[in-house]
Amino acid sequence: MTRVAAIDCGTNSIRLLVADCDPATGELVDLDRRMTIVRLGQGVDRTGRLAPEALERTFAACRAYAEIIEEHGAERLRFVATSASRDAENRDDFVRGVRDILGVEPEVVTGEQEAEFSFTGATRELAGREDLGHPFLVVDIGGGSTEFVVGDDHVHAARSVDVGCVRMTERHLVTDGTVTDPPTPQQIAAIRADIASALDLAEQTVPLREARTLVGLAGSVTTLSAIAQDLPAYDSTAIHHSRVSRERVRELTDRLVNSTHAERAAIPSMHPGRVDVIAAGALILLTIMERTGAEEVVVSEHDILDGIAFSAASGAGS
């Protein structure tokens, strides 16, 4: 077992996993797993740049994570940065700041690499399950992008498309800096049209409809599972490998898109950072399920972060 630290810096959140990991057996033992909502992608879709306040929120989280990594004595660290930092004109400011704080170069990976990490992290535990059909379609709904990966014991095809819960919210639901509460039918239709176009693009290279099991990752999906189960608080154990039917996802999406900020914030399992973006995230998942014909989604708490940890234990990173 190798003690590693993995950091996944996305558009909406930055997450840390410190774990003892053996890539040969697929064993991974959590020592510390946490998430901070930093909204690094704030305004990137509109301005093409990372906002100074978004960078400072991210650097503050990095400083806190550096202390945790040192406390646990991780031998290797891999820092992977995704959609927002890939798109921004001033991403050099981001790279420099991370390097100064953590001593490693953040790897701004491609969407396809991101998809590989997600698939590895999500399916290591599911591969031997007889109740789940193959191949898997792993869908990672992030803040700025969504990754689609089809595979069984290895990846067959992968594609990243630029629809995510933050990007769709900022593009279609924000007027004069304020999120429409609740969205209008026209705004919902515009989001749906963007998602449909993105799925058309994904289907050019990924056989979405050939999959037998849909595996859903990231905060939008895990939050929907928590709401579906009426959990009194967010509970990773109850959420991990739970199943949510398409009909239940449709009911929850209707509820979320027709609710106010206050009503969404009052949901016990809702993270404050997801209140304004969960409706768009739910629309993305529902549209994917409708397109692929998936009757249910298997929800995984293990995702790109676990895939990064396995890669670090195999020798990648610093």
Protein backbone atom coordinates (compact mmCIF):
# COMPACT_ATOMS: atom_id res chain seq x y z
CA MET A 1 0.00 0.00 0.00
CA THR A 2 1.22 3.47 -0.92
CA ARG A 3 -0.01 6.57 0.93
CA VAL A 4 -1.08 9.10 -1.68
CA ALA A 5 -2.89 12.41 -1.90
CA ALA A 6 -5.13 13.24 -4.84
CA ILE A 7 -6.65 16.64 -5.56
CA ASP A 8 -9.38 17.21 -8.13
CA CYS A 9 -9.91 20.88 -8.88
CA GLY A 10 -13.07 21.39 -10.91
CA THR A 11 -15.27 24.27 -11.96
CA ASN A 12 -17.40 24.30 -8.81
CA SER A 13 -15.43 22.46 -6.14
CA ILE A 14 -11.94 21.34 -5.12
CA ARG A 15 -11.65 17.95 -3.45
CA LEU A 16 -8.95 16.12 -1.56
CA LEU A 17 -8.43 12.41 -0.96
CA VAL A 18 -5.62 11.05 1.20
CA ALA A 19 -5.60 7.25 1.04
CA ASP A 20 -3.56 4.09 1.31
CA CYS A 21 -3.78 2.57 -2.12
CA ASP A 22 -2.76 -0.60 -3.96
CA PRO A 23 -3.42 -0.27 -7.70
CA ALA A 24 -2.60 -3.96 -8.30
CA THR A 25 -5.50 -5.21 -6.15
CA GLY A 26 -7.81 -2.21 -6.50
CA GLU A 27 -7.78 -1.69 -2.72
CA LEU A 28 -8.14 1.88 -1.50
CA VAL A 29 -8.51 2.87 2.15
CA ASP A 30 -9.66 6.44 2.84
CA LEU A 31 -7.78 8.44 5.45
CA ASP A 32 -9.27 11.84 4.64
CA ARG A 33 -11.79 12.83 1.97
CA ARG A 34 -13.24 16.32 1.77
CA MET A 35 -14.68 18.90 -0.56
CA THR A 36 -14.71 22.71 -0.61
CA ILE A 37 -16.98 24.71 -2.91
CA VAL A 38 -14.74 27.41 -4.45
CA ARG A 39 -16.53 28.24 -7.73
CA LEU A 40 -13.23 28.51 -9.61
CA GLY A 41 -15.24 28.72 -12.83
CA GLN A 42 -17.16 31.81 -11.71
CA GLY A 43 -17.81 33.85 -14.87
CA VAL A 44 -15.36 31.89 -17.06
CA ASP A 45 -18.01 31.06 -19.66
CA ARG A 46 -18.69 34.79 -20.07
CA THR A 47 -15.25 36.40 -19.59
CA GLY A 48 -12.81 33.63 -20.52
CA ARG A 49 -10.80 34.43 -17.37
CA LEU A 50 -10.55 33.15 -13.80
CA ALA A 51 -11.87 35.82 -11.43
CA PRO A 52 -9.41 37.09 -8.76
CA GLU A 53 -11.81 36.24 -5.94
CA ALA A 54 -12.33 32.72 -7.36
CA LEU A 55 -8.56 32.19 -7.47
CA GLU A 56 -8.19 33.35 -3.87
CA ARG A 57 -10.96 30.99 -2.66
CA THR A 58 -9.17 28.14 -4.44
CA PHE A 59 -5.76 29.05 -3.03
CA ALA A 60 -7.22 29.23 0.50
CA ALA A 61 -8.52 25.68 0.09
CA CYS A 62 -5.11 24.58 -1.24
CA ARG A 63 -3.40 25.99 1.86
CA ALA A 64 -5.77 24.03 4.11
CA TYR A 65 -5.23 20.86 2.07
CA ALA A 66 -1.44 21.26 2.23
CA GLU A 67 -1.62 21.02 6.04
CA ILE A 68 -3.75 17.85 5.89
CA ILE A 69 -1.41 16.20 3.36
CA GLU A 70 1.58 16.95 5.58
CA GLU A 71 -0.17 15.65 8.71
CA HIS A 72 -0.87 12.30 7.04
CA GLY A 73 2.59 11.99 5.52
CA ALA A 74 1.46 11.24 1.97
CA GLU A 75 4.33 9.94 -0.17
CA ARG A 76 2.92 11.16 -3.47
CA LEU A 77 0.60 13.95 -4.56
CA ARG A 78 -1.18 14.38 -7.85
CA PHE A 79 -3.17 17.54 -8.57
CA VAL A 80 -5.54 17.40 -11.53
CA ALA A 81 -7.34 20.51 -12.76
CA THR A 82 -10.33 20.26 -15.06
CA SER A 83 -12.69 22.32 -17.15
CA ALA A 84 -12.47 25.91 -15.86
CA SER A 85 -8.69 26.06 -15.65
CA ARG A 86 -8.43 24.37 -19.04
CA ASP A 87 -10.49 27.12 -20.69
CA ALA A 88 -9.21 30.27 -18.94
CA GLU A 89 -6.87 32.80 -20.56
CA ASN A 90 -5.09 33.47 -17.25
CA ARG A 91 -4.60 29.86 -16.22
CA ASP A 92 -0.88 30.59 -15.67
CA ASP A 93 -1.88 32.57 -12.55
CA PHE A 94 -3.68 29.49 -11.30
CA VAL A 95 -0.74 27.17 -12.05
CA ARG A 96 1.74 29.48 -10.32
CA GLY A 97 -0.40 29.81 -7.19
CA VAL A 98 -0.91 26.06 -6.80
CA ARG A 99 2.78 25.37 -7.32
CA ASP A 100 3.76 27.91 -4.67
CA ILE A 101 1.37 26.42 -2.09
CA LEU A 102 1.59 22.68 -2.74
CA GLY A 103 4.92 22.30 -4.51
CA VAL A 104 3.44 20.45 -7.48
CA GLU A 105 2.45 21.48 -10.96
CA PRO A 106 -1.31 21.19 -11.47
CA GLU A 107 -1.99 19.01 -14.46
CA VAL A 108 -4.60 20.61 -16.68
CA VAL A 109 -5.85 17.37 -18.20
CA THR A 110 -7.90 16.89 -21.33
CA GLY A 111 -11.53 15.92 -21.08
CA GLU A 112 -10.63 12.45 -22.32
CA GLN A 113 -8.02 11.97 -19.56
CA GLU A 114 -10.58 13.24 -17.06
CA ALA A 115 -12.99 10.58 -18.33
CA GLU A 116 -10.40 7.82 -17.91
CA PHE A 117 -9.83 8.79 -14.26
CA SER A 118 -13.58 8.89 -13.63
CA PHE A 119 -14.14 5.46 -15.15
CA THR A 120 -11.33 3.84 -13.16
CA GLY A 121 -12.48 5.36 -9.88
CA ALA A 122 -16.14 4.53 -10.39
CA THR A 123 -15.98 0.97 -11.69
CA ARG A 124 -13.17 -0.74 -9.72
CA GLU A 125 -15.69 -2.01 -7.14
CA LEU A 126 -18.51 -2.71 -9.62
CA ALA A 127 -16.64 -4.86 -12.12
CA GLY A 128 -17.46 -8.17 -10.43
CA ARG A 129 -21.13 -7.47 -9.69
CA GLU A 130 -23.37 -10.06 -11.37
CA ASP A 131 -26.49 -7.90 -10.97
CA LEU A 132 -25.07 -5.15 -13.20
CA GLY A 133 -24.91 -5.54 -16.97
CA HIS A 134 -21.89 -4.63 -19.07
CA PRO A 135 -20.72 -2.39 -20.57
CA PHE A 136 -20.94 0.50 -18.13
CA LEU A 137 -21.71 4.07 -19.12
CA VAL A 138 -20.04 6.32 -16.55
CA VAL A 139 -21.36 9.88 -16.55
CA ASP A 140 -19.52 12.52 -14.53
CA ILE A 141 -21.63 15.70 -14.34
CA GLY A 142 -19.29 18.47 -13.28
CA GLY A 143 -19.62 22.22 -12.98
CA GLY A 144 -18.30 23.10 -16.43
CA SER A 145 -18.33 19.85 -18.36
CA THR A 146 -19.78 16.35 -18.43
CA GLU A 147 -17.69 13.28 -19.21
CA PHE A 148 -19.10 10.16 -20.86
CA VAL A 149 -17.15 6.89 -20.76
CA VAL A 150 -18.25 3.48 -22.02
CA GLY A 151 -16.26 0.41 -21.03
CA ASP A 152 -16.10 -2.83 -19.06
CA ASP A 153 -12.68 -3.85 -17.75
CA HIS A 154 -11.18 -1.02 -19.79
CA VAL A 155 -12.38 2.12 -21.54
CA HIS A 156 -13.88 1.63 -25.01
CA ALA A 157 -14.75 5.25 -25.77
CA ALA A 158 -14.80 8.58 -23.94
CA ARG A 159 -15.89 12.14 -24.65
CA SER A 160 -16.09 15.36 -22.68
CA VAL A 161 -18.69 17.99 -23.59
CA ASP A 162 -19.10 21.54 -22.30
CA VAL A 163 -22.33 21.21 -20.35
CA GLY A 164 -22.18 21.29 -16.56
CA CYS A 165 -24.40 22.50 -13.73
CA VAL A 166 -22.52 25.79 -13.23
CA ARG A 167 -22.04 26.52 -16.94
CA MET A 168 -25.74 25.91 -17.71
CA THR A 169 -26.86 27.98 -14.72
CA GLU A 170 -24.63 30.93 -15.61
CA ARG A 171 -25.46 30.75 -19.32
CA HIS A 172 -29.23 30.47 -19.03
CA LEU A 173 -30.47 31.25 -15.52
CA VAL A 174 -28.52 34.35 -14.46
CA THR A 175 -29.80 37.84 -15.23
CA ASP A 176 -27.92 40.89 -13.93
CA GLY A 177 -25.96 38.67 -11.56
CA THR A 178 -29.04 37.04 -10.05
CA VAL A 179 -30.29 33.48 -10.60
CA THR A 180 -33.90 33.35 -11.84
CA ASP A 181 -35.99 31.92 -9.05
CA PRO A 182 -37.64 29.70 -10.23
CA PRO A 183 -36.57 29.43 -13.91
CA THR A 184 -39.02 30.20 -16.71
CA PRO A 185 -40.17 27.50 -19.17
CA GLN A 186 -38.14 29.28 -21.87
CA GLN A 187 -34.96 29.07 -19.77
CA ILE A 188 -35.52 25.38 -19.08
CA ALA A 189 -36.06 24.76 -22.80
CA ALA A 190 -32.80 26.55 -23.61
CA ILE A 191 -30.88 24.38 -21.13
CA ARG A 192 -32.52 21.25 -22.55
CA ALA A 193 -31.52 22.30 -26.08
CA ASP A 194 -27.87 22.80 -25.04
CA ILE A 195 -27.80 19.40 -23.35
CA ALA A 196 -29.36 17.72 -26.39
CA SER A 197 -26.73 19.28 -28.68
CA ALA A 198 -23.97 18.11 -26.33
CA LEU A 199 -25.38 14.58 -26.35
CA ASP A 200 -25.43 14.63 -30.15
CA LEU A 201 -21.73 15.54 -30.01
CA ALA A 202 -20.94 12.82 -27.46
CA GLU A 203 -22.73 10.19 -29.53
CA GLN A 204 -20.41 10.86 -32.46
CA THR A 205 -17.68 8.97 -30.58
CA VAL A 206 -19.31 7.23 -27.60
CA PRO A 207 -22.04 4.57 -28.08
CA LEU A 208 -24.20 5.87 -25.25
CA ARG A 209 -27.17 3.59 -25.99
CA GLU A 210 -25.13 0.37 -26.00
CA ALA A 211 -24.43 0.51 -22.26
CA ARG A 212 -26.33 -1.79 -19.91
CA THR A 213 -25.60 0.04 -16.63
CA LEU A 214 -25.57 3.81 -16.11
CA VAL A 215 -23.22 4.93 -13.33
CA GLY A 216 -23.61 8.55 -12.20
CA LEU A 217 -20.88 10.57 -10.49
CA ALA A 218 -20.32 13.94 -8.82
CA GLY A 219 -22.31 16.32 -6.66
CA SER A 220 -25.44 16.78 -8.75
CA VAL A 221 -26.04 13.02 -8.92
CA THR A 222 -25.13 12.24 -5.32
CA THR A 223 -27.32 15.11 -4.08
CA LEU A 224 -30.27 13.81 -6.11
CA SER A 225 -29.79 10.39 -4.49
CA ALA A 226 -29.76 11.99 -1.03
CA ILE A 227 -33.01 13.85 -1.81
CA ALA A 228 -34.58 10.71 -3.30
CA GLN A 229 -33.87 8.86 -0.06
CA ASP A 230 -35.13 11.76 2.11
CA LEU A 231 -31.90 11.63 4.08
CA PRO A 232 -31.84 13.91 7.16
CA ALA A 233 -28.27 14.89 6.23
CA TYR A 234 -25.80 14.07 3.48
CA ASP A 235 -24.65 10.47 4.13
CA SER A 236 -21.98 9.06 1.82
CA THR A 237 -22.54 5.49 3.00
CA ALA A 238 -26.25 5.58 2.14
CA ILE A 239 -25.59 7.29 -1.19
CA HIS A 240 -22.73 5.09 -2.45
CA HIS A 241 -24.11 2.45 -4.86
CA SER A 242 -27.71 3.55 -4.29
CA ARG A 243 -30.04 3.34 -7.29
CA VAL A 244 -32.47 6.00 -8.46
CA SER A 245 -35.08 5.27 -11.11
CA ARG A 246 -35.62 7.51 -14.13
CA GLU A 247 -39.16 8.24 -12.95
CA ARG A 248 -37.84 9.40 -9.57
CA VAL A 249 -35.20 11.58 -11.25
CA ARG A 250 -37.98 13.15 -13.35
CA GLU A 251 -40.07 13.87 -10.23
CA LEU A 252 -37.10 15.45 -8.43
CA THR A 253 -36.13 17.52 -11.47
CA ASP A 254 -39.66 18.90 -11.74
CA ARG A 255 -39.60 19.72 -8.05
CA LEU A 256 -36.20 21.45 -8.20
CA VAL A 257 -36.80 23.53 -11.33
CA ASN A 258 -40.10 24.77 -9.89
CA SER A 259 -38.74 25.62 -6.43
CA THR A 260 -37.35 28.82 -4.97
CA HIS A 261 -33.86 29.33 -3.60
CA ALA A 262 -35.24 29.15 -0.05
CA GLU A 263 -37.08 25.88 -0.73
CA ARG A 264 -33.98 24.23 -2.21
CA ALA A 265 -31.78 25.54 0.62
CA ALA A 266 -34.16 23.98 3.15
CA ILE A 267 -33.54 20.45 1.83
CA PRO A 268 -31.53 18.80 4.66
CA SER A 269 -28.98 17.06 2.41
CA MET A 270 -28.34 20.09 0.16
CA HIS A 271 -24.85 21.61 0.30
CA PRO A 272 -25.15 25.44 0.31
CA GLY A 273 -22.88 25.64 -2.73
CA ARG A 274 -25.28 23.52 -4.80
CA VAL A 275 -28.52 25.36 -4.09
CA ASP A 276 -28.42 27.50 -7.25
CA VAL A 277 -26.95 24.89 -9.61
CA ILE A 278 -28.77 21.67 -8.66
CA ALA A 279 -31.71 22.28 -11.01
CA ALA A 280 -29.40 22.45 -14.02
CA GLY A 281 -27.54 19.35 -12.79
CA ALA A 282 -30.81 17.43 -12.45
CA LEU A 283 -31.83 18.45 -15.99
CA ILE A 284 -28.53 17.13 -17.34
CA LEU A 285 -28.98 13.74 -15.64
CA LEU A 286 -32.64 13.41 -16.69
CA THR A 287 -31.89 14.27 -20.31
CA ILE A 288 -29.07 11.68 -20.38
CA MET A 289 -31.39 9.00 -18.96
CA GLU A 290 -34.07 9.83 -21.51
CA ARG A 291 -31.57 9.73 -24.40
CA THR A 292 -29.96 6.43 -23.37
CA GLY A 293 -33.13 4.71 -22.19
CA ALA A 294 -31.58 3.98 -18.77
CA GLU A 295 -34.27 2.90 -16.32
CA GLU A 296 -32.09 3.74 -13.33
CA VAL A 297 -28.77 5.28 -12.36
CA VAL A 298 -26.30 3.59 -10.01
CA VAL A 299 -24.82 6.37 -7.89
CA SER A 300 -21.13 6.25 -7.00
CA GLU A 301 -19.25 8.29 -4.43
CA HIS A 302 -16.03 6.97 -5.97
CA ASP A 303 -15.10 8.91 -9.04
CA ILE A 304 -12.30 10.90 -10.66
CA LEU A 305 -10.67 11.49 -7.26
CA ASP A 306 -10.23 7.75 -6.69
CA GLY A 307 -8.93 7.34 -10.24
CA ILE A 308 -6.34 10.06 -9.60
CA ALA A 309 -5.31 8.32 -6.38
CA PHE A 310 -4.79 5.00 -8.18
CA SER A 311 -2.68 6.76 -10.82
CA ALA A 312 -0.58 8.46 -8.12
CA ALA A 313 0.03 5.10 -6.43
CA SER A 314 1.17 3.75 -9.81
CA GLY A 315 3.84 6.43 -9.96
CA ALA A 316 2.19 9.40 -11.67
CA GLY A 317 2.38 12.82 -10.03
CA SER A 318 4.99 14.07 -7.53
